[in-house]
């Protein structure tokens, strides 16, 4: 009998675990951090389920997001938070998904200073602008996601007359921009973001990165097509009142809100169907008009708020005439069908029209 050498008896080395996908989250654009706050209400899935990688089939995740990284700050704490972004720039945490919150100011028009920054340059001690971080990280990111309307299209900070030259990420990088993995920019608008819309989009991209999902389908405005493929009006519980020419004149009315300034018939958004938190709430669901916060032209093209939208008077007048006829016709039908069939009475004769087969 031969004996094996110690080397032959040694167990085979265990395979290395798959590298995690890092999520680098910059919330230092021009914004109110409302999208970060909104995401804490996500339930389908929750941010905790994403961060802890507990969803079936989801690859290992490491999230570097200021809102939940409570142990450290930009330049102090258990570790240096900003160092993860330098690692991304150096290619030390490939792959990573870059999430951008807030609009991007045009620093080229501000030579004497800057509008917003994120961390300090260790060589100069000066703040690194948000736009410079985009220049550094976007070419090395697996995917770039703009969360909220400010990051997607400029939003409030990009209104006419603003001094910052603010713009969305697609305006800054280019609408045809693609990552080195061939993934286009992904915009998930909302002011703030509907929390489950972003959580679902992020999970889709992570599944795509692991090879479990095809290329993310986007519309012409780079929004996830399955989330923004229908208008507010198409998913609104009040849409039937519009068809019948019945319009609210107070906010506590259940009828259509178009005359009060609702832009729902032309706005791409799924909030009426999805609700806001765990399926509950959402602007028109609770009596609020749609002000078009998911649209690229927001807010300039939809102001002044609370006024009836252009064309609303014509369409609502036509709907009122059409609806009055429809209501009368339906009243006739209702009188007929809102009663039991006549044969459901006691008697000695079967009057249902049944015919014996023999």
Protein backbone atom coordinates (compact mmCIF):
# COMPACT_ATOMS: atom_id res chain seq x y z
CA UNK A 1 0.00 0.00 0.00
CA UNK A 2 1.31 3.38 -0.89
CA UNK A 3 0.80 6.49 1.16
CA UNK A 4 0.02 9.85 -0.28
CA UNK A 5 2.32 12.76 0.27
CA UNK A 6 1.17 15.55 2.62
CA UNK A 7 0.69 17.76 -0.40
CA UNK A 8 -1.61 15.23 -2.01
CA UNK A 9 -3.66 14.93 1.19
CA UNK A 10 -4.16 18.70 1.53
CA UNK A 11 -7.70 19.83 0.66
CA UNK A 12 -8.20 21.67 -2.57
CA UNK A 13 -8.36 25.43 -2.14
CA UNK A 14 -11.88 26.78 -2.00
CA UNK A 15 -12.93 28.83 -5.02
CA UNK A 16 -12.91 32.56 -4.47
CA UNK A 17 -16.28 34.16 -3.95
CA UNK A 18 -17.67 36.21 -6.77
CA UNK A 19 -16.66 39.81 -6.54
CA UNK A 20 -19.42 42.04 -5.20
CA UNK A 21 -21.08 44.69 -7.29
CA UNK A 22 -20.49 48.04 -5.63
CA UNK A 23 -23.05 50.83 -5.75
CA UNK A 24 -21.43 54.27 -5.58
CA UNK A 25 -24.10 56.83 -4.73
CA UNK A 26 -23.40 60.53 -5.21
CA UNK A 27 -26.09 62.74 -3.69
CA UNK A 28 -24.04 65.90 -4.04
CA UNK A 29 -25.72 67.31 -7.12
CA UNK A 30 -28.12 70.23 -6.84
CA UNK A 31 -30.99 68.60 -4.98
CA UNK A 32 -32.85 68.38 -1.69
CA UNK A 33 -31.94 64.71 -0.96
CA UNK A 34 -35.66 63.98 -1.28
CA UNK A 35 -34.98 60.97 -3.52
CA UNK A 36 -32.76 59.37 -0.88
CA UNK A 37 -35.38 60.02 1.78
CA UNK A 38 -38.14 58.64 -0.46
CA UNK A 39 -36.21 55.44 -1.12
CA UNK A 40 -36.28 54.57 2.58
CA UNK A 41 -40.02 53.87 2.04
CA UNK A 42 -39.45 51.28 -0.71
CA UNK A 43 -41.12 47.92 -0.15
CA UNK A 44 -40.87 46.13 -3.52
CA UNK A 45 -38.09 45.52 -2.65
CA UNK A 46 -36.85 47.52 0.32
CA UNK A 47 -33.42 49.16 0.37
CA UNK A 48 -32.50 46.83 3.24
CA UNK A 49 -33.22 43.78 1.09
CA UNK A 50 -31.02 45.19 -1.66
CA UNK A 51 -28.17 46.22 0.64
CA UNK A 52 -28.14 42.86 2.44
CA UNK A 53 -28.35 40.86 -0.84
CA UNK A 54 -31.21 38.73 0.48
CA UNK A 55 -33.25 38.71 -2.72
CA UNK A 56 -33.18 35.40 -4.65
CA UNK A 57 -30.69 35.47 -7.50
CA UNK A 58 -29.29 38.86 -6.58
CA UNK A 59 -25.49 39.07 -6.68
CA UNK A 60 -23.53 40.18 -3.65
CA UNK A 61 -23.92 43.93 -3.18
CA UNK A 62 -21.94 46.58 -1.34
CA UNK A 63 -23.79 49.89 -1.11
CA UNK A 64 -21.87 53.12 -0.54
CA UNK A 65 -24.71 55.55 0.09
CA UNK A 66 -24.34 58.45 2.53
CA UNK A 67 -27.82 57.91 3.96
CA UNK A 68 -27.12 54.43 5.35
CA UNK A 69 -23.36 54.59 5.82
CA UNK A 70 -23.78 55.93 9.35
CA UNK A 71 -20.34 54.90 10.61
CA UNK A 72 -18.34 57.25 8.47
CA UNK A 73 -18.41 60.62 6.81
CA UNK A 74 -16.52 62.18 3.90
CA UNK A 75 -13.25 62.56 5.80
CA UNK A 76 -13.67 60.84 9.17
CA UNK A 77 -15.21 57.84 10.91
CA UNK A 78 -14.58 54.12 10.90
CA UNK A 79 -13.26 54.41 7.38
CA UNK A 80 -13.02 57.23 4.90
CA UNK A 81 -16.28 57.14 2.97
CA UNK A 82 -14.99 59.13 0.03
CA UNK A 83 -12.18 56.61 -0.46
CA UNK A 84 -14.62 54.20 -2.12
CA UNK A 85 -15.10 56.73 -4.90
CA UNK A 86 -11.36 57.08 -5.36
CA UNK A 87 -11.18 53.29 -5.55
CA UNK A 88 -13.81 53.39 -8.28
CA UNK A 89 -11.74 55.93 -10.17
CA UNK A 90 -8.63 53.76 -9.82
CA UNK A 91 -10.46 50.66 -11.02
CA UNK A 92 -10.08 48.83 -7.71
CA UNK A 93 -13.76 47.96 -7.20
CA UNK A 94 -14.81 46.88 -10.66
CA UNK A 95 -17.69 46.39 -11.29
CA UNK A 96 -19.70 49.25 -9.83
CA UNK A 97 -22.96 51.02 -10.59
CA UNK A 98 -22.90 54.80 -10.30
CA UNK A 99 -26.07 56.40 -8.93
CA UNK A 100 -26.35 60.17 -9.28
CA UNK A 101 -28.84 62.25 -7.29
CA UNK A 102 -29.30 65.91 -8.10
CA UNK A 103 -28.77 68.00 -11.21
CA UNK A 104 -25.32 68.74 -12.60
CA UNK A 105 -24.29 72.41 -12.64
CA UNK A 106 -22.25 73.79 -15.50
CA UNK A 107 -18.98 74.52 -13.69
CA UNK A 108 -17.49 75.90 -16.91
CA UNK A 109 -19.47 79.11 -16.35
CA UNK A 110 -18.17 79.53 -12.79
CA UNK A 111 -14.38 79.92 -13.05
CA UNK A 112 -14.14 81.74 -9.72
CA UNK A 113 -15.69 78.88 -7.74
CA UNK A 114 -18.09 75.98 -7.92
CA UNK A 115 -21.75 75.21 -7.29
CA UNK A 116 -21.52 71.83 -5.61
CA UNK A 117 -18.85 69.32 -4.66
CA UNK A 118 -18.30 65.92 -3.08
CA UNK A 119 -15.23 65.34 -0.92
CA UNK A 120 -11.80 66.95 -1.20
CA UNK A 121 -8.92 66.34 -3.56
CA UNK A 122 -6.12 64.92 -1.35
CA UNK A 123 -3.48 66.65 -3.46
CA UNK A 124 -4.94 70.16 -3.35
CA UNK A 125 -7.30 70.03 -0.39
CA UNK A 126 -9.95 71.63 -2.61
CA UNK A 127 -13.46 70.23 -3.11
CA UNK A 128 -14.02 67.96 -6.09
CA UNK A 129 -17.02 69.18 -8.06
CA UNK A 130 -19.90 66.86 -8.86
CA UNK A 131 -19.30 67.30 -12.57
CA UNK A 132 -15.66 66.26 -12.15
CA UNK A 133 -16.74 63.10 -10.33
CA UNK A 134 -18.95 62.28 -13.30
CA UNK A 135 -15.98 62.77 -15.62
CA UNK A 136 -13.87 60.47 -13.45
CA UNK A 137 -16.33 57.69 -12.68
CA UNK A 138 -18.77 57.41 -15.60
CA UNK A 139 -16.23 55.91 -18.04
CA UNK A 140 -15.45 53.13 -15.55
CA UNK A 141 -18.99 52.39 -14.33
CA UNK A 142 -20.89 49.28 -15.30
CA UNK A 143 -23.99 51.47 -15.49
CA UNK A 144 -24.98 55.04 -14.59
CA UNK A 145 -28.40 55.69 -13.09
CA UNK A 146 -29.96 59.13 -12.59
CA UNK A 147 -32.36 59.01 -9.65
CA UNK A 148 -35.05 61.67 -9.52
CA UNK A 149 -36.02 64.35 -12.01
CA UNK A 150 -33.17 66.68 -11.06
CA UNK A 151 -30.54 64.12 -12.03
CA UNK A 152 -32.56 62.85 -14.98
CA UNK A 153 -33.53 66.15 -16.64
CA UNK A 154 -32.37 69.07 -14.49
CA UNK A 155 -35.60 69.60 -12.57
CA UNK A 156 -36.24 72.64 -10.36
CA UNK A 157 -32.62 73.81 -10.43
CA UNK A 158 -32.59 73.94 -14.23
CA UNK A 159 -35.54 76.32 -14.52
CA UNK A 160 -35.31 79.32 -16.82
CA UNK A 161 -33.28 82.11 -15.24
CA UNK A 162 -31.15 79.92 -13.00
CA UNK A 163 -27.51 81.04 -12.60
CA UNK A 164 -26.00 77.54 -12.44
CA UNK A 165 -26.59 76.21 -15.95
CA UNK A 166 -27.87 73.07 -14.24
CA UNK A 167 -28.75 70.04 -16.35
CA UNK A 168 -29.52 66.36 -16.07
CA UNK A 169 -26.95 63.60 -16.38
CA UNK A 170 -27.96 62.80 -20.01
CA UNK A 171 -27.46 66.45 -20.96
CA UNK A 172 -24.02 66.40 -19.34
CA UNK A 173 -22.75 63.02 -20.62
CA UNK A 174 -24.82 62.92 -23.82
CA UNK A 175 -28.14 61.21 -24.51
CA UNK A 176 -26.43 58.52 -26.56
CA UNK A 177 -23.84 57.76 -23.87
CA UNK A 178 -23.27 54.12 -23.00
CA UNK A 179 -21.14 52.47 -20.35
CA UNK A 180 -18.19 50.25 -21.20
CA UNK A 181 -20.66 47.35 -20.80
CA UNK A 182 -22.90 48.89 -23.47
CA UNK A 183 -25.64 49.93 -21.03
CA UNK A 184 -27.32 53.29 -21.82
CA UNK A 185 -27.93 55.91 -19.18
CA UNK A 186 -30.96 54.99 -17.09
CA UNK A 187 -33.24 57.77 -15.81
CA UNK A 188 -35.83 57.12 -13.10
CA UNK A 189 -37.59 60.50 -12.74
CA UNK A 190 -39.93 61.78 -10.05
CA UNK A 191 -39.90 64.72 -7.66
CA UNK A 192 -39.23 62.87 -5.48
CA UNK A 193 -38.80 59.43 -6.95
CA UNK A 194 -41.55 56.87 -6.37
CA UNK A 195 -39.51 54.57 -4.10
CA UNK A 196 -40.44 51.19 -5.58
CA UNK A 197 -39.79 52.46 -9.12
CA UNK A 198 -36.15 53.03 -8.31
CA UNK A 199 -35.71 49.92 -6.16
CA UNK A 200 -37.14 47.79 -8.97
CA UNK A 201 -34.94 49.46 -11.60
CA UNK A 202 -31.79 48.99 -9.51
CA UNK A 203 -32.61 45.31 -8.95
CA UNK A 204 -33.16 44.87 -12.69
CA UNK A 205 -29.73 46.33 -13.44
CA UNK A 206 -28.10 44.10 -10.83
CA UNK A 207 -29.76 41.03 -12.34
CA UNK A 208 -28.61 42.21 -15.77
CA UNK A 209 -25.07 42.57 -14.45
CA UNK A 210 -25.17 38.97 -13.21
CA UNK A 211 -26.43 37.72 -16.58
CA UNK A 212 -29.94 36.92 -15.32
CA UNK A 213 -31.80 39.63 -17.29
CA UNK A 214 -31.61 41.07 -20.83
CA UNK A 215 -30.74 44.66 -21.68
CA UNK A 216 -32.94 47.02 -19.72
CA UNK A 217 -35.76 48.36 -21.95
CA UNK A 218 -35.90 52.16 -22.00
CA UNK A 219 -38.14 54.69 -23.72
CA UNK A 220 -36.90 57.68 -25.73
CA UNK A 221 -36.38 59.69 -22.54
CA UNK A 222 -34.25 56.86 -21.05
CA UNK A 223 -36.96 55.87 -18.56
CA UNK A 224 -37.63 52.17 -17.81
CA UNK A 225 -40.30 51.39 -20.39
CA UNK A 226 -42.38 49.07 -18.22
CA UNK A 227 -42.72 51.73 -15.51
CA UNK A 228 -43.34 54.80 -17.67
CA UNK A 229 -45.17 53.33 -20.67
CA UNK A 230 -48.62 54.64 -19.73
CA UNK A 231 -49.98 58.02 -18.70
CA UNK A 232 -51.28 59.03 -15.32
CA UNK A 233 -54.74 59.32 -16.87
CA UNK A 234 -54.66 55.73 -18.17
CA UNK A 235 -54.03 54.40 -14.68
CA UNK A 236 -56.17 56.86 -12.74
CA UNK A 237 -59.29 55.84 -10.85
CA UNK A 238 -60.81 59.20 -11.87
CA UNK A 239 -60.43 58.63 -15.62
CA UNK A 240 -63.98 57.33 -15.97
CA UNK A 241 -65.33 60.67 -14.77
CA UNK A 242 -63.44 62.42 -17.57
CA UNK A 243 -65.12 60.15 -20.11
CA UNK A 244 -68.49 61.06 -18.64
CA UNK A 245 -67.71 64.75 -18.61
CA UNK A 246 -67.75 65.04 -14.82
CA UNK A 247 -65.07 67.35 -13.42
CA UNK A 248 -64.12 68.29 -9.88
CA UNK A 249 -64.35 71.92 -8.78
CA UNK A 250 -63.00 71.22 -5.28
CA UNK A 251 -60.12 69.02 -4.14
CA UNK A 252 -62.35 66.83 -1.98
CA UNK A 253 -64.33 65.69 -5.01
CA UNK A 254 -63.80 62.15 -6.39
CA UNK A 255 -64.27 63.39 -9.99
CA UNK A 256 -61.66 64.18 -12.66
CA UNK A 257 -59.15 66.88 -11.64
CA UNK A 258 -58.29 68.26 -15.09
CA UNK A 259 -60.16 71.54 -14.55
CA UNK A 260 -58.18 72.06 -11.33
CA UNK A 261 -54.87 71.84 -13.18
CA UNK A 262 -54.12 68.09 -13.48
CA UNK A 263 -51.73 67.20 -16.33
CA UNK A 264 -52.44 63.47 -16.03
CA UNK A 265 -53.66 62.89 -19.62
CA UNK A 266 -50.22 63.71 -21.06
CA UNK A 267 -47.82 62.66 -18.27
CA UNK A 268 -45.93 59.35 -18.25
CA UNK A 269 -46.13 58.04 -14.69
CA UNK A 270 -47.42 54.92 -12.92
CA UNK A 271 -48.14 56.43 -9.48
CA UNK A 272 -51.97 56.14 -9.72
CA UNK A 273 -51.62 52.39 -10.23
CA UNK A 274 -48.66 51.75 -7.95
CA UNK A 275 -49.48 54.12 -5.14
CA UNK A 276 -46.72 55.72 -3.12
CA UNK A 277 -45.86 53.66 -0.04
CA UNK A 278 -46.70 49.95 -0.08
CA UNK A 279 -49.42 50.55 -2.68
CA UNK A 280 -51.11 53.34 -0.74
CA UNK A 281 -51.39 57.02 -1.74
CA UNK A 282 -50.15 58.75 -4.86
CA UNK A 283 -51.03 62.23 -6.09
CA UNK A 284 -54.45 61.87 -7.81
CA UNK A 285 -55.37 58.97 -5.52
CA UNK A 286 -55.52 61.37 -2.57
CA UNK A 287 -56.92 64.43 -4.36
CA UNK A 288 -53.70 66.01 -5.61
CA UNK A 289 -53.30 67.12 -9.21
CA UNK A 290 -50.50 65.74 -11.37
CA UNK A 291 -47.92 68.50 -11.97
CA UNK A 292 -45.86 66.37 -14.41
CA UNK A 293 -42.79 65.87 -12.23
CA UNK A 294 -41.63 62.82 -14.21
CA UNK A 295 -41.43 64.71 -17.50
CA UNK A 296 -38.28 66.20 -19.10
CA UNK A 297 -39.96 69.63 -19.44
CA UNK A 298 -40.75 69.88 -15.72
CA UNK A 299 -41.33 72.42 -14.29
CA UNK A 300 -41.13 75.14 -16.95
CA UNK A 301 -43.52 73.59 -19.48
CA UNK A 302 -46.20 72.85 -16.88
CA UNK A 303 -46.48 76.16 -15.06
CA UNK A 304 -48.40 77.85 -13.61
CA UNK A 305 -49.56 74.95 -11.48
CA UNK A 306 -53.23 74.78 -10.44
CA UNK A 307 -54.35 76.35 -13.75
CA UNK A 308 -56.29 74.30 -16.27
CA UNK A 309 -53.77 72.91 -18.80
CA UNK A 310 -53.70 74.35 -22.34
CA UNK A 311 -56.31 72.56 -24.38
CA UNK A 312 -58.05 71.53 -21.20
CA UNK A 313 -60.97 73.88 -21.80
CA UNK A 314 -61.54 72.48 -25.29
CA UNK A 315 -61.14 68.83 -24.32
CA UNK A 316 -63.20 69.15 -21.13
CA UNK A 317 -65.96 71.04 -23.00
CA UNK A 318 -66.06 68.31 -25.65
CA UNK A 319 -66.01 65.66 -22.95
CA UNK A 320 -68.88 67.41 -21.16
CA UNK A 321 -71.08 67.31 -24.29
CA UNK A 322 -70.10 63.75 -25.14
CA UNK A 323 -70.38 62.69 -21.50
CA UNK A 324 -73.90 64.06 -21.08
CA UNK A 325 -75.08 61.87 -23.98
CA UNK A 326 -73.20 58.86 -22.63
CA UNK A 327 -74.66 59.32 -19.16
CA UNK A 328 -78.22 59.41 -20.55
CA UNK A 329 -77.67 56.27 -22.62
CA UNK A 330 -76.08 54.50 -19.68
CA UNK A 331 -78.99 55.51 -17.46
CA UNK A 332 -81.33 53.66 -19.82
CA UNK A 333 -79.09 50.59 -19.76
CA UNK A 334 -78.70 50.84 -16.00
CA UNK A 335 -82.47 50.83 -15.54
CA UNK A 336 -82.57 47.56 -17.47
CA UNK A 337 -79.61 45.70 -16.00
CA UNK A 338 -79.82 46.91 -12.39
CA UNK A 339 -82.65 44.44 -11.69
CA UNK A 340 -83.03 40.69 -11.45
CA UNK A 341 -84.37 38.69 -14.41
CA UNK A 342 -88.15 38.46 -14.44
CA UNK A 343 -88.29 34.67 -14.04
CA UNK A 344 -86.86 34.77 -10.51
CA UNK A 345 -90.28 34.64 -8.88
CA UNK A 346 -92.24 31.93 -7.13
CA UNK A 347 -94.68 29.93 -9.25
CA UNK A 348 -95.72 26.55 -10.58
CA UNK A 349 -94.24 27.03 -14.05
CA UNK A 350 -90.59 27.11 -15.13
CA UNK A 351 -90.16 30.40 -17.02
CA UNK A 352 -86.38 30.51 -17.56
CA UNK A 353 -86.64 29.29 -21.15
CA UNK A 354 -85.23 25.87 -20.28
CA UNK A 355 -86.14 23.14 -22.78
CA UNK A 356 -85.93 19.48 -21.70
CA UNK A 357 -83.67 17.40 -23.98
CA UNK A 358 -86.22 14.55 -24.03
